[in-house]
Structures are given as C-alpha cells and as structure tokens.
Amino acid sequence: MSRRLSSGRVEYVVLDEERERLERNHERFAELLEQIERRTEELQLLQQLIELRLRQVEVETHRVRRSRALCHDRVSALTECKPNESLIRLDVFVQCLQLSCVTRTNLMSH
C-alpha cells in the first residue's frame, strides 16, 4: 500500500512538473508571437518607406528627363540621362541598405 501512495505522489509531482513546463511553453509561445507581430509591422513599415523612396526616384528621374529634353535635342538628352539614372538608383540602394541595417539593429536589440 505504501508503494501505491508513493507511486501516486510521484505521478502527481510529474504531472505538476509537466503542467508547469506546458504553461512556460505557452507563455514563451505567446511572447514569440508578439515579437513576430512587432517585427512584421516593422518590416511592413520598411517596405512602405522603400516604396515611397522608389516613387521619389521615379518622379526625380522623370523630372530630370524632362528638364534635359528641354535643353537638348532628344538623342543627347537620352544619353545624358543614363548616368543620372544610375546615380539616383545607387542613392536609393544605399538608402535602402541603411534602412535595412537600422531595422535589423532595432530588431536584434528587442
């Protein structure tokens, strides 16, 4: 009879430990979900910023093309626009990298 009591107590202790472990796992899972949601929101914001910057580049590229077309004939305007377009695209790429680094640093610090 003492074996049964002892065995029963061990089972209760194991069940309590298992329940506590499951509760900790649920809490950790909830924390991870919150982190994922925050990071998803940050990534969506970063995507919006990149899209806005790309739109600015498109507008600036269009403006440069129009101003050059007014000053030069069509053929020379097209050849002169190409270096400016490269610089503008490089500027966008650098800014995107900077935003990405800042965001990654912020995400890692959370």
PDB file of N, CA and C in Angstrom:
ATOM      1  N   MET A   1       0.814  -1.190   0.000  1.00  0.00           N
ATOM      2  CA  MET A   1       0.000   0.000   0.000  1.00  0.00           C
ATOM      3  C   MET A   1       0.862   1.261   0.000  1.00  0.00           C
ATOM      4  N   SER A   2       1.952   1.245   0.727  1.00  0.00           N
ATOM      5  CA  SER A   2       2.811   2.418   0.749  1.00  0.00           C
ATOM      6  C   SER A   2       3.424   2.660  -0.631  1.00  0.00           C
ATOM      7  N   ARG A   3       3.631   1.583  -1.364  1.00  0.00           N
ATOM      8  CA  ARG A   3       4.146   1.754  -2.725  1.00  0.00           C
ATOM      9  C   ARG A   3       3.163   2.529  -3.589  1.00  0.00           C
ATOM     10  N   ARG A   4       1.918   2.205  -3.473  1.00  0.00           N
ATOM     11  CA  ARG A   4       0.909   2.906  -4.269  1.00  0.00           C
ATOM     12  C   ARG A   4       0.881   4.383  -3.925  1.00  0.00           C
ATOM     13  N   LEU A   5       0.893   4.693  -2.654  1.00  0.00           N
ATOM     14  CA  LEU A   5       0.891   6.101  -2.258  1.00  0.00           C
ATOM     15  C   LEU A   5       2.135   6.793  -2.797  1.00  0.00           C
ATOM     16  N   SER A   6       3.248   6.140  -2.610  1.00  0.00           N
ATOM     17  CA  SER A   6       4.498   6.719  -3.088  1.00  0.00           C
ATOM     18  C   SER A   6       4.445   6.882  -4.605  1.00  0.00           C
ATOM     19  N   SER A   7       4.001   5.865  -5.282  1.00  0.00           N
ATOM     20  CA  SER A   7       3.891   5.918  -6.736  1.00  0.00           C
ATOM     21  C   SER A   7       2.895   6.985  -7.163  1.00  0.00           C
ATOM     22  N   GLY A   8       1.778   7.085  -6.460  1.00  0.00           N
ATOM     23  CA  GLY A   8       0.781   8.102  -6.771  1.00  0.00           C
ATOM     24  C   GLY A   8       1.322   9.499  -6.583  1.00  0.00           C
ATOM     25  N   ARG A   9       2.079   9.692  -5.532  1.00  0.00           N
ATOM     26  CA  ARG A   9       2.678  11.018  -5.295  1.00  0.00           C
ATOM     27  C   ARG A   9       3.665  11.378  -6.397  1.00  0.00           C
ATOM     28  N   VAL A  10       4.447  10.405  -6.807  1.00  0.00           N
ATOM     29  CA  VAL A  10       5.404  10.636  -7.892  1.00  0.00           C
ATOM     30  C   VAL A  10       4.653  11.039  -9.151  1.00  0.00           C
ATOM     31  N   GLU A  11       3.547  10.365  -9.428  1.00  0.00           N
ATOM     32  CA  GLU A  11       2.759  10.703 -10.613  1.00  0.00           C
ATOM     33  C   GLU A  11       2.229  12.130 -10.531  1.00  0.00           C
ATOM     34  N   TYR A  12       1.760  12.522  -9.340  1.00  0.00           N
ATOM     35  CA  TYR A  12       1.265  13.893  -9.174  1.00  0.00           C
ATOM     36  C   TYR A  12       2.383  14.909  -9.374  1.00  0.00           C
ATOM     37  N   VAL A  13       3.558  14.608  -8.833  1.00  0.00           N
ATOM     38  CA  VAL A  13       4.703  15.513  -8.991  1.00  0.00           C
ATOM     39  C   VAL A  13       5.064  15.627 -10.465  1.00  0.00           C
ATOM     40  N   VAL A  14       5.090  14.507 -11.166  1.00  0.00           N
ATOM     41  CA  VAL A  14       5.411  14.517 -12.596  1.00  0.00           C
ATOM     42  C   VAL A  14       4.359  15.309 -13.358  1.00  0.00           C
ATOM     43  N   LEU A  15       3.093  15.106 -13.019  1.00  0.00           N
ATOM     44  CA  LEU A  15       2.027  15.846 -13.696  1.00  0.00           C
ATOM     45  C   LEU A  15       2.135  17.341 -13.424  1.00  0.00           C
ATOM     46  N   ASP A  16       2.445  17.711 -12.176  1.00  0.00           N
ATOM     47  CA  ASP A  16       2.616  19.129 -11.845  1.00  0.00           C
ATOM     48  C   ASP A  16       3.779  19.734 -12.620  1.00  0.00           C
ATOM     49  N   GLU A  17       4.894  19.006 -12.696  1.00  0.00           N
ATOM     50  CA  GLU A  17       6.057  19.499 -13.443  1.00  0.00           C
ATOM     51  C   GLU A  17       5.718  19.639 -14.926  1.00  0.00           C
ATOM     52  N   GLU A  18       5.000  18.663 -15.444  1.00  0.00           N
ATOM     53  CA  GLU A  18       4.605  18.710 -16.858  1.00  0.00           C
ATOM     54  C   GLU A  18       3.673  19.892 -17.118  1.00  0.00           C
ATOM     55  N   ARG A  19       2.725  20.129 -16.219  1.00  0.00           N
ATOM     56  CA  ARG A  19       1.799  21.252 -16.360  1.00  0.00           C
ATOM     57  C   ARG A  19       2.565  22.581 -16.317  1.00  0.00           C
ATOM     58  N   GLU A  20       3.517  22.695 -15.389  1.00  0.00           N
ATOM     59  CA  GLU A  20       4.321  23.919 -15.294  1.00  0.00           C
ATOM     60  C   GLU A  20       5.144  24.121 -16.567  1.00  0.00           C
ATOM     61  N   ARG A  21       5.716  23.032 -17.082  1.00  0.00           N
ATOM     62  CA  ARG A  21       6.501  23.122 -18.314  1.00  0.00           C
ATOM     63  C   ARG A  21       5.617  23.566 -19.475  1.00  0.00           C
ATOM     64  N   LEU A  22       4.423  23.011 -19.557  1.00  0.00           N
ATOM     65  CA  LEU A  22       3.489  23.404 -20.616  1.00  0.00           C
ATOM     66  C   LEU A  22       3.083  24.871 -20.482  1.00  0.00           C
ATOM     67  N   GLU A  23       2.845  25.320 -19.261  1.00  0.00           N
ATOM     68  CA  GLU A  23       2.494  26.728 -19.042  1.00  0.00           C
ATOM     69  C   GLU A  23       3.635  27.641 -19.469  1.00  0.00           C
ATOM     70  N   ARG A  24       4.872  27.272 -19.124  1.00  0.00           N
ATOM     71  CA  ARG A  24       6.035  28.073 -19.546  1.00  0.00           C
ATOM     72  C   ARG A  24       6.142  28.091 -21.070  1.00  0.00           C
ATOM     73  N   ASN A  25       5.907  26.933 -21.685  1.00  0.00           N
ATOM     74  CA  ASN A  25       5.954  26.863 -23.149  1.00  0.00           C
ATOM     75  C   ASN A  25       4.882  27.750 -23.783  1.00  0.00           C
ATOM     76  N   HIS A  26       3.694  27.753 -23.213  1.00  0.00           N
ATOM     77  CA  HIS A  26       2.607  28.600 -23.730  1.00  0.00           C
ATOM     78  C   HIS A  26       2.965  30.077 -23.583  1.00  0.00           C
ATOM     79  N   GLU A  27       3.533  30.451 -22.438  1.00  0.00           N
ATOM     80  CA  GLU A  27       3.944  31.843 -22.228  1.00  0.00           C
ATOM     81  C   GLU A  27       5.021  32.242 -23.229  1.00  0.00           C
ATOM     82  N   ARG A  28       6.002  31.363 -23.419  1.00  0.00           N
ATOM     83  CA  ARG A  28       7.087  31.654 -24.368  1.00  0.00           C
ATOM     84  C   ARG A  28       6.531  31.766 -25.791  1.00  0.00           C
ATOM     85  N   PHE A  29       5.603  30.882 -26.125  1.00  0.00           N
ATOM     86  CA  PHE A  29       4.980  30.919 -27.446  1.00  0.00           C
ATOM     87  C   PHE A  29       4.249  32.242 -27.653  1.00  0.00           C
ATOM     88  N   ALA A  30       3.519  32.694 -26.632  1.00  0.00           N
ATOM     89  CA  ALA A  30       2.800  33.975 -26.727  1.00  0.00           C
ATOM     90  C   ALA A  30       3.787  35.123 -26.908  1.00  0.00           C
ATOM     91  N   GLU A  31       4.910  35.081 -26.193  1.00  0.00           N
ATOM     92  CA  GLU A  31       5.939  36.116 -26.343  1.00  0.00           C
ATOM     93  C   GLU A  31       6.505  36.111 -27.759  1.00  0.00           C
ATOM     94  N   LEU A  32       6.779  34.924 -28.276  1.00  0.00           N
ATOM     95  CA  LEU A  32       7.313  34.820 -29.641  1.00  0.00           C
ATOM     96  C   LEU A  32       6.320  35.342 -30.674  1.00  0.00           C
ATOM     97  N   LEU A  33       5.044  35.048 -30.479  1.00  0.00           N
ATOM     98  CA  LEU A  33       4.024  35.571 -31.394  1.00  0.00           C
ATOM     99  C   LEU A  33       3.999  37.095 -31.372  1.00  0.00           C
ATOM    100  N   GLU A  34       4.101  37.683 -30.180  1.00  0.00           N
ATOM    101  CA  GLU A  34       4.131  39.144 -30.071  1.00  0.00           C
ATOM    102  C   GLU A  34       5.342  39.713 -30.796  1.00  0.00           C
ATOM    103  N   GLN A  35       6.510  39.069 -30.626  1.00  0.00           N
ATOM    104  CA  GLN A  35       7.715  39.529 -31.319  1.00  0.00           C
ATOM    105  C   GLN A  35       7.542  39.444 -32.834  1.00  0.00           C
ATOM    106  N   ILE A  36       6.968  38.361 -33.297  1.00  0.00           N
ATOM    107  CA  ILE A  36       6.745  38.195 -34.738  1.00  0.00           C
ATOM    108  C   ILE A  36       5.811  39.282 -35.255  1.00  0.00           C
ATOM    109  N   GLU A  37       4.755  39.571 -34.513  1.00  0.00           N
ATOM    110  CA  GLU A  37       3.816  40.613 -34.934  1.00  0.00           C
ATOM    111  C   GLU A  37       4.503  41.976 -34.986  1.00  0.00           C
ATOM    112  N   ARG A  38       5.314  42.292 -33.974  1.00  0.00           N
ATOM    113  CA  ARG A  38       6.037  43.573 -33.975  1.00  0.00           C
ATOM    114  C   ARG A  38       6.993  43.655 -35.156  1.00  0.00           C
ATOM    115  N   ARG A  39       7.729  42.593 -35.374  1.00  0.00           N
ATOM    116  CA  ARG A  39       8.701  42.601 -36.474  1.00  0.00           C
ATOM    117  C   ARG A  39       8.011  42.654 -37.825  1.00  0.00           C
ATOM    118  N   THR A  40       6.867  42.009 -37.937  1.00  0.00           N
ATOM    119  CA  THR A  40       6.098  42.074 -39.180  1.00  0.00           C
ATOM    120  C   THR A  40       5.653  43.504 -39.440  1.00  0.00           C
ATOM    121  N   GLU A  41       5.181  44.183 -38.394  1.00  0.00           N
ATOM    122  CA  GLU A  41       4.782  45.589 -38.541  1.00  0.00           C
ATOM    123  C   GLU A  41       5.977  46.445 -38.940  1.00  0.00           C
ATOM    124  N   GLU A  42       7.144  46.194 -38.329  1.00  0.00           N
ATOM    125  CA  GLU A  42       8.346  46.957 -38.678  1.00  0.00           C
ATOM    126  C   GLU A  42       8.739  46.712 -40.130  1.00  0.00           C
ATOM    127  N   LEU A  43       8.661  45.463 -40.568  1.00  0.00           N
ATOM    128  CA  LEU A  43       9.003  45.149 -41.955  1.00  0.00           C
ATOM    129  C   LEU A  43       8.018  45.778 -42.935  1.00  0.00           C
ATOM    130  N   GLN A  44       6.742  45.808 -42.564  1.00  0.00           N
ATOM    131  CA  GLN A  44       5.750  46.453 -43.425  1.00  0.00           C
ATOM    132  C   GLN A  44       6.033  47.947 -43.530  1.00  0.00           C
ATOM    133  N   LEU A  45       6.420  48.554 -42.426  1.00  0.00           N
ATOM    134  CA  LEU A  45       6.773  49.971 -42.446  1.00  0.00           C
ATOM    135  C   LEU A  45       8.004  50.195 -43.317  1.00  0.00           C
ATOM    136  N   LEU A  46       8.996  49.339 -43.174  1.00  0.00           N
ATOM    137  CA  LEU A  46      10.192  49.447 -44.005  1.00  0.00           C
ATOM    138  C   LEU A  46       9.834  49.302 -45.482  1.00  0.00           C
ATOM    139  N   GLN A  47       8.964  48.375 -45.800  1.00  0.00           N
ATOM    140  CA  GLN A  47       8.530  48.197 -47.186  1.00  0.00           C
ATOM    141  C   GLN A  47       7.852  49.461 -47.707  1.00  0.00           C
ATOM    142  N   GLN A  48       7.006  50.072 -46.885  1.00  0.00           N
ATOM    143  CA  GLN A  48       6.335  51.309 -47.290  1.00  0.00           C
ATOM    144  C   GLN A  48       7.347  52.424 -47.521  1.00  0.00           C
ATOM    145  N   LEU A  49       8.349  52.518 -46.643  1.00  0.00           N
ATOM    146  CA  LEU A  49       9.382  53.545 -46.816  1.00  0.00           C
ATOM    147  C   LEU A  49      10.156  53.326 -48.109  1.00  0.00           C
ATOM    148  N   ILE A  50      10.480  52.086 -48.393  1.00  0.00           N
ATOM    149  CA  ILE A  50      11.209  51.778 -49.625  1.00  0.00           C
ATOM    150  C   ILE A  50      10.357  52.118 -50.841  1.00  0.00           C
ATOM    151  N   GLU A  51       9.078  51.765 -50.798  1.00  0.00           N
ATOM    152  CA  GLU A  51       8.186  52.080 -51.916  1.00  0.00           C
ATOM    153  C   GLU A  51       8.061  53.583 -52.117  1.00  0.00           C
ATOM    154  N   LEU A  52       7.973  54.331 -51.019  1.00  0.00           N
ATOM    155  CA  LEU A  52       7.909  55.792 -51.135  1.00  0.00           C
ATOM    156  C   LEU A  52       9.193  56.350 -51.736  1.00  0.00           C
ATOM    157  N   ARG A  53      10.330  55.829 -51.294  1.00  0.00           N
ATOM    158  CA  ARG A  53      11.610  56.313 -51.825  1.00  0.00           C
ATOM    159  C   ARG A  53      11.728  55.978 -53.310  1.00  0.00           C
ATOM    160  N   LEU A  54      11.309  54.787 -53.689  1.00  0.00           N
ATOM    161  CA  LEU A  54      11.349  54.425 -55.111  1.00  0.00           C
ATOM    162  C   LEU A  54      10.449  55.340 -55.933  1.00  0.00           C
ATOM    163  N   ARG A  55       9.310  55.693 -55.382  1.00  0.00           N
ATOM    164  CA  ARG A  55       8.404  56.622 -56.073  1.00  0.00           C
ATOM    165  C   ARG A  55       9.081  57.984 -56.230  1.00  0.00           C
ATOM    166  N   GLN A  56       9.785  58.431 -55.192  1.00  0.00           N
ATOM    167  CA  GLN A  56      10.517  59.694 -55.288  1.00  0.00           C
ATOM    168  C   GLN A  56      11.555  59.621 -56.402  1.00  0.00           C
ATOM    169  N   VAL A  57      12.224  58.501 -56.494  1.00  0.00           N
ATOM    170  CA  VAL A  57      13.237  58.330 -57.541  1.00  0.00           C
ATOM    171  C   VAL A  57      12.590  58.379 -58.917  1.00  0.00           C
ATOM    172  N   GLU A  58      11.459  57.729 -59.061  1.00  0.00           N
ATOM    173  CA  GLU A  58      10.755  57.766 -60.345  1.00  0.00           C
ATOM    174  C   GLU A  58      10.377  59.193 -60.717  1.00  0.00           C
ATOM    175  N   VAL A  59       9.869  59.934 -59.750  1.00  0.00           N
ATOM    176  CA  VAL A  59       9.475  61.325 -60.000  1.00  0.00           C
ATOM    177  C   VAL A  59      10.707  62.152 -60.365  1.00  0.00           C
ATOM    178  N   GLU A  60      11.792  61.975 -59.623  1.00  0.00           N
ATOM    179  CA  GLU A  60      13.020  62.728 -59.903  1.00  0.00           C
ATOM    180  C   GLU A  60      13.590  62.352 -61.270  1.00  0.00           C
ATOM    181  N   THR A  61      13.562  61.079 -61.594  1.00  0.00           N
ATOM    182  CA  THR A  61      14.048  60.636 -62.902  1.00  0.00           C
ATOM    183  C   THR A  61      13.223  61.275 -64.015  1.00  0.00           C
ATOM    184  N   HIS A  62      11.937  61.288 -63.840  1.00  0.00           N
ATOM    185  CA  HIS A  62      11.055  61.905 -64.833  1.00  0.00           C
ATOM    186  C   HIS A  62      11.356  63.404 -64.953  1.00  0.00           C
ATOM    187  N   ARG A  63      11.558  64.067 -63.818  1.00  0.00           N
ATOM    188  CA  ARG A  63      11.864  65.496 -63.828  1.00  0.00           C
ATOM    189  C   ARG A  63      13.179  65.764 -64.560  1.00  0.00           C
ATOM    190  N   VAL A  64      14.188  64.950 -64.282  1.00  0.00           N
ATOM    191  CA  VAL A  64      15.492  65.126 -64.929  1.00  0.00           C
ATOM    192  C   VAL A  64      15.357  64.923 -66.433  1.00  0.00           C
ATOM    193  N   ARG A  65      14.637  63.913 -66.827  1.00  0.00           N
ATOM    194  CA  ARG A  65      14.456  63.664 -68.263  1.00  0.00           C
ATOM    195  C   ARG A  65      13.765  64.840 -68.949  1.00  0.00           C
ATOM    196  N   ARG A  66      12.733  65.358 -68.302  1.00  0.00           N
ATOM    197  CA  ARG A  66      12.006  66.482 -68.906  1.00  0.00           C
ATOM    198  C   ARG A  66      12.884  67.721 -68.999  1.00  0.00           C
ATOM    199  N   SER A  67      13.639  68.014 -67.956  1.00  0.00           N
ATOM    200  CA  SER A  67      14.471  69.220 -67.994  1.00  0.00           C
ATOM    201  C   SER A  67      15.583  69.091 -69.028  1.00  0.00           C
ATOM    202  N   ARG A  68      16.151  67.909 -69.149  1.00  0.00           N
ATOM    203  CA  ARG A  68      17.201  67.707 -70.155  1.00  0.00           C
ATOM    204  C   ARG A  68      16.626  67.768 -71.568  1.00  0.00           C
ATOM    205  N   ALA A  69      15.425  67.257 -71.732  1.00  0.00           N
ATOM    206  CA  ALA A  69      14.801  67.277 -73.058  1.00  0.00           C
ATOM    207  C   ALA A  69      14.529  68.710 -73.505  1.00  0.00           C
ATOM    208  N   LEU A  70      14.248  69.596 -72.548  1.00  0.00           N
ATOM    209  CA  LEU A  70      14.021  70.996 -72.895  1.00  0.00           C
ATOM    210  C   LEU A  70      15.307  71.676 -73.350  1.00  0.00           C
ATOM    211  N   CYS A  71      16.432  71.267 -72.786  1.00  0.00           N
ATOM    212  CA  CYS A  71      17.709  71.932 -73.077  1.00  0.00           C
ATOM    213  C   CYS A  71      18.442  71.329 -74.273  1.00  0.00           C
ATOM    214  N   HIS A  72      18.220  70.070 -74.544  1.00  0.00           N
ATOM    215  CA  HIS A  72      18.983  69.393 -75.595  1.00  0.00           C
ATOM    216  C   HIS A  72      18.040  68.687 -76.562  1.00  0.00           C
ATOM    217  N   ASP A  73      18.609  68.292 -77.657  1.00  0.00           N
ATOM    218  CA  ASP A  73      17.786  67.511 -78.584  1.00  0.00           C
ATOM    219  C   ASP A  73      17.546  66.120 -77.991  1.00  0.00           C
ATOM    220  N   ARG A  74      16.610  65.396 -78.531  1.00  0.00           N
ATOM    221  CA  ARG A  74      16.132  64.126 -77.960  1.00  0.00           C
ATOM    222  C   ARG A  74      17.256  63.091 -77.790  1.00  0.00           C
ATOM    223  N   VAL A  75      18.112  62.933 -78.748  1.00  0.00           N
ATOM    224  CA  VAL A  75      19.160  61.904 -78.675  1.00  0.00           C
ATOM    225  C   VAL A  75      20.159  62.216 -77.575  1.00  0.00           C
ATOM    226  N   SER A  76      20.657  63.439 -77.508  1.00  0.00           N
ATOM    227  CA  SER A  76      21.642  63.762 -76.470  1.00  0.00           C
ATOM    228  C   SER A  76      20.998  63.742 -75.089  1.00  0.00           C
ATOM    229  N   ALA A  77      19.742  64.082 -74.992  1.00  0.00           N
ATOM    230  CA  ALA A  77      19.052  64.045 -73.691  1.00  0.00           C
ATOM    231  C   ALA A  77      18.990  62.617 -73.166  1.00  0.00           C
ATOM    232  N   LEU A  78      18.703  61.666 -74.027  1.00  0.00           N
ATOM    233  CA  LEU A  78      18.622  60.273 -73.581  1.00  0.00           C
ATOM    234  C   LEU A  78      19.977  59.753 -73.124  1.00  0.00           C
ATOM    235  N   THR A  79      21.039  60.083 -73.844  1.00  0.00           N
ATOM    236  CA  THR A  79      22.359  59.595 -73.446  1.00  0.00           C
ATOM    237  C   THR A  79      22.838  60.277 -72.178  1.00  0.00           C
ATOM    238  N   GLU A  80      22.488  61.532 -71.970  1.00  0.00           N
ATOM    239  CA  GLU A  80      22.925  62.236 -70.762  1.00  0.00           C
ATOM    240  C   GLU A  80      22.124  61.825 -69.540  1.00  0.00           C
ATOM    241  N   CYS A  81      20.932  61.327 -69.720  1.00  0.00           N
ATOM    242  CA  CYS A  81      20.111  60.912 -68.575  1.00  0.00           C
ATOM    243  C   CYS A  81      20.627  59.628 -67.937  1.00  0.00           C
ATOM    244  N   LYS A  82      21.241  58.783 -68.722  1.00  0.00           N
ATOM    245  CA  LYS A  82      21.649  57.483 -68.192  1.00  0.00           C
ATOM    246  C   LYS A  82      22.575  57.585 -66.983  1.00  0.00           C
ATOM    247  N   PRO A  83      23.619  58.407 -66.990  1.00  0.00           N
ATOM    248  CA  PRO A  83      24.458  58.497 -65.785  1.00  0.00           C
ATOM    249  C   PRO A  83      23.664  58.997 -64.572  1.00  0.00           C
ATOM    250  N   ASN A  84      22.780  59.940 -64.774  1.00  0.00           N
ATOM    251  CA  ASN A  84      21.979  60.441 -63.654  1.00  0.00           C
ATOM    252  C   ASN A  84      21.068  59.358 -63.101  1.00  0.00           C
ATOM    253  N   GLU A  85      20.492  58.561 -63.975  1.00  0.00           N
ATOM    254  CA  GLU A  85      19.632  57.475 -63.508  1.00  0.00           C
ATOM    255  C   GLU A  85      20.430  56.491 -62.666  1.00  0.00           C
ATOM    256  N   SER A  86      21.656  56.206 -63.084  1.00  0.00           N
ATOM    257  CA  SER A  86      22.495  55.292 -62.306  1.00  0.00           C
ATOM    258  C   SER A  86      22.766  55.854 -60.923  1.00  0.00           C
ATOM    259  N   LEU A  87      23.077  57.134 -60.862  1.00  0.00           N
ATOM    260  CA  LEU A  87      23.341  57.763 -59.565  1.00  0.00           C
ATOM    261  C   LEU A  87      22.101  57.748 -58.684  1.00  0.00           C
ATOM    262  N   ILE A  88      20.959  58.010 -59.266  1.00  0.00           N
ATOM    263  CA  ILE A  88      19.715  58.009 -58.493  1.00  0.00           C
ATOM    264  C   ILE A  88      19.431  56.603 -57.971  1.00  0.00           C
ATOM    265  N   ARG A  89      19.593  55.601 -58.820  1.00  0.00           N
ATOM    266  CA  ARG A  89      19.348  54.224 -58.379  1.00  0.00           C
ATOM    267  C   ARG A  89      20.347  53.817 -57.294  1.00  0.00           C
ATOM    268  N   LEU A  90      21.591  54.237 -57.435  1.00  0.00           N
ATOM    269  CA  LEU A  90      22.591  53.952 -56.412  1.00  0.00           C
ATOM    270  C   LEU A  90      22.194  54.606 -55.094  1.00  0.00           C
ATOM    271  N   ASP A  91      21.714  55.835 -55.158  1.00  0.00           N
ATOM    272  CA  ASP A  91      21.266  56.543 -53.959  1.00  0.00           C
ATOM    273  C   ASP A  91      20.141  55.775 -53.274  1.00  0.00           C
ATOM    274  N   VAL A  92      19.192  55.287 -54.034  1.00  0.00           N
ATOM    275  CA  VAL A  92      18.076  54.513 -53.469  1.00  0.00           C
ATOM    276  C   VAL A  92      18.598  53.240 -52.827  1.00  0.00           C
ATOM    277  N   PHE A  93      19.496  52.564 -53.519  1.00  0.00           N
ATOM    278  CA  PHE A  93      20.039  51.321 -52.989  1.00  0.00           C
ATOM    279  C   PHE A  93      20.755  51.561 -51.664  1.00  0.00           C
ATOM    280  N   VAL A  94      21.570  52.593 -51.595  1.00  0.00           N
ATOM    281  CA  VAL A  94      22.293  52.918 -50.359  1.00  0.00           C
ATOM    282  C   VAL A  94      21.311  53.249 -49.244  1.00  0.00           C
ATOM    283  N   GLN A  95      20.293  54.033 -49.540  1.00  0.00           N
ATOM    284  CA  GLN A  95      19.310  54.375 -48.508  1.00  0.00           C
ATOM    285  C   GLN A  95      18.549  53.143 -48.039  1.00  0.00           C
ATOM    286  N   CYS A  96      18.227  52.245 -48.940  1.00  0.00           N
ATOM    287  CA  CYS A  96      17.545  51.009 -48.545  1.00  0.00           C
ATOM    288  C   CYS A  96      18.438  50.165 -47.644  1.00  0.00           C
ATOM    289  N   LEU A  97      19.724  50.089 -47.991  1.00  0.00           N
ATOM    290  CA  LEU A  97      20.653  49.350 -47.141  1.00  0.00           C
ATOM    291  C   LEU A  97      20.750  49.976 -45.759  1.00  0.00           C
ATOM    292  N   GLN A  98      20.806  51.304 -45.702  1.00  0.00           N
ATOM    293  CA  GLN A  98      20.871  51.980 -44.408  1.00  0.00           C
ATOM    294  C   GLN A  98      19.626  51.689 -43.593  1.00  0.00           C
ATOM    295  N   LEU A  99      18.451  51.765 -44.216  1.00  0.00           N
ATOM    296  CA  LEU A  99      17.204  51.454 -43.509  1.00  0.00           C
ATOM    297  C   LEU A  99      17.203  50.009 -43.036  1.00  0.00           C
ATOM    298  N   SER A 100      17.690  49.122 -43.877  1.00  0.00           N
ATOM    299  CA  SER A 100      17.732  47.710 -43.522  1.00  0.00           C
ATOM    300  C   SER A 100      18.641  47.476 -42.323  1.00  0.00           C
ATOM    301  N   CYS A 101      19.806  48.123 -42.304  1.00  0.00           N
ATOM    302  CA  CYS A 101      20.738  47.975 -41.184  1.00  0.00           C
ATOM    303  C   CYS A 101      20.141  48.525 -39.902  1.00  0.00           C
ATOM    304  N   VAL A 102      19.510  49.680 -39.981  1.00  0.00           N
ATOM    305  CA  VAL A 102      18.887  50.275 -38.796  1.00  0.00           C
ATOM    306  C   VAL A 102      17.779  49.371 -38.284  1.00  0.00           C
ATOM    307  N   THR A 103      16.958  48.865 -39.181  1.00  0.00           N
ATOM    308  CA  THR A 103      15.853  47.992 -38.776  1.00  0.00           C
ATOM    309  C   THR A 103      16.386  46.701 -38.178  1.00  0.00           C
ATOM    310  N   ARG A 104      17.399  46.117 -38.805  1.00  0.00           N
ATOM    311  CA  ARG A 104      17.972  44.877 -38.290  1.00  0.00           C
ATOM    312  C   ARG A 104      18.553  45.106 -36.900  1.00  0.00           C
ATOM    313  N   THR A 105      19.228  46.229 -36.699  1.00  0.00           N
ATOM    314  CA  THR A 105      19.783  46.549 -35.387  1.00  0.00           C
ATOM    315  C   THR A 105      18.670  46.692 -34.363  1.00  0.00           C
ATOM    316  N   ASN A 106      17.601  47.370 -34.739  1.00  0.00           N
ATOM    317  CA  ASN A 106      16.463  47.537 -33.830  1.00  0.00           C
ATOM    318  C   ASN A 106      15.823  46.196 -33.504  1.00  0.00           C
ATOM    319  N   LEU A 107      15.674  45.343 -34.493  1.00  0.00           N
ATOM    320  CA  LEU A 107      15.058  44.039 -34.266  1.00  0.00           C
ATOM    321  C   LEU A 107      15.918  43.182 -33.349  1.00  0.00           C
ATOM    322  N   MET A 108      17.228  43.240 -33.536  1.00  0.00           N
ATOM    323  CA  MET A 108      18.118  42.427 -32.724  1.00  0.00           C
ATOM    324  C   MET A 108      18.181  42.929 -31.286  1.00  0.00           C
ATOM    325  N   SER A 109      17.934  44.199 -31.078  1.00  0.00           N
ATOM    326  CA  SER A 109      18.001  44.748 -29.723  1.00  0.00           C
ATOM    327  C   SER A 109      16.751  44.438 -28.927  1.00  0.00           C
ATOM    328  N   HIS A 110      15.663  44.029 -29.607  1.00  0.00           N
ATOM    329  CA  HIS A 110      14.414  43.685 -28.891  1.00  0.00           C
ATOM    330  C   HIS A 110      14.582  42.345 -28.320  1.00  0.00           C
TER     331      HIS A 110
END
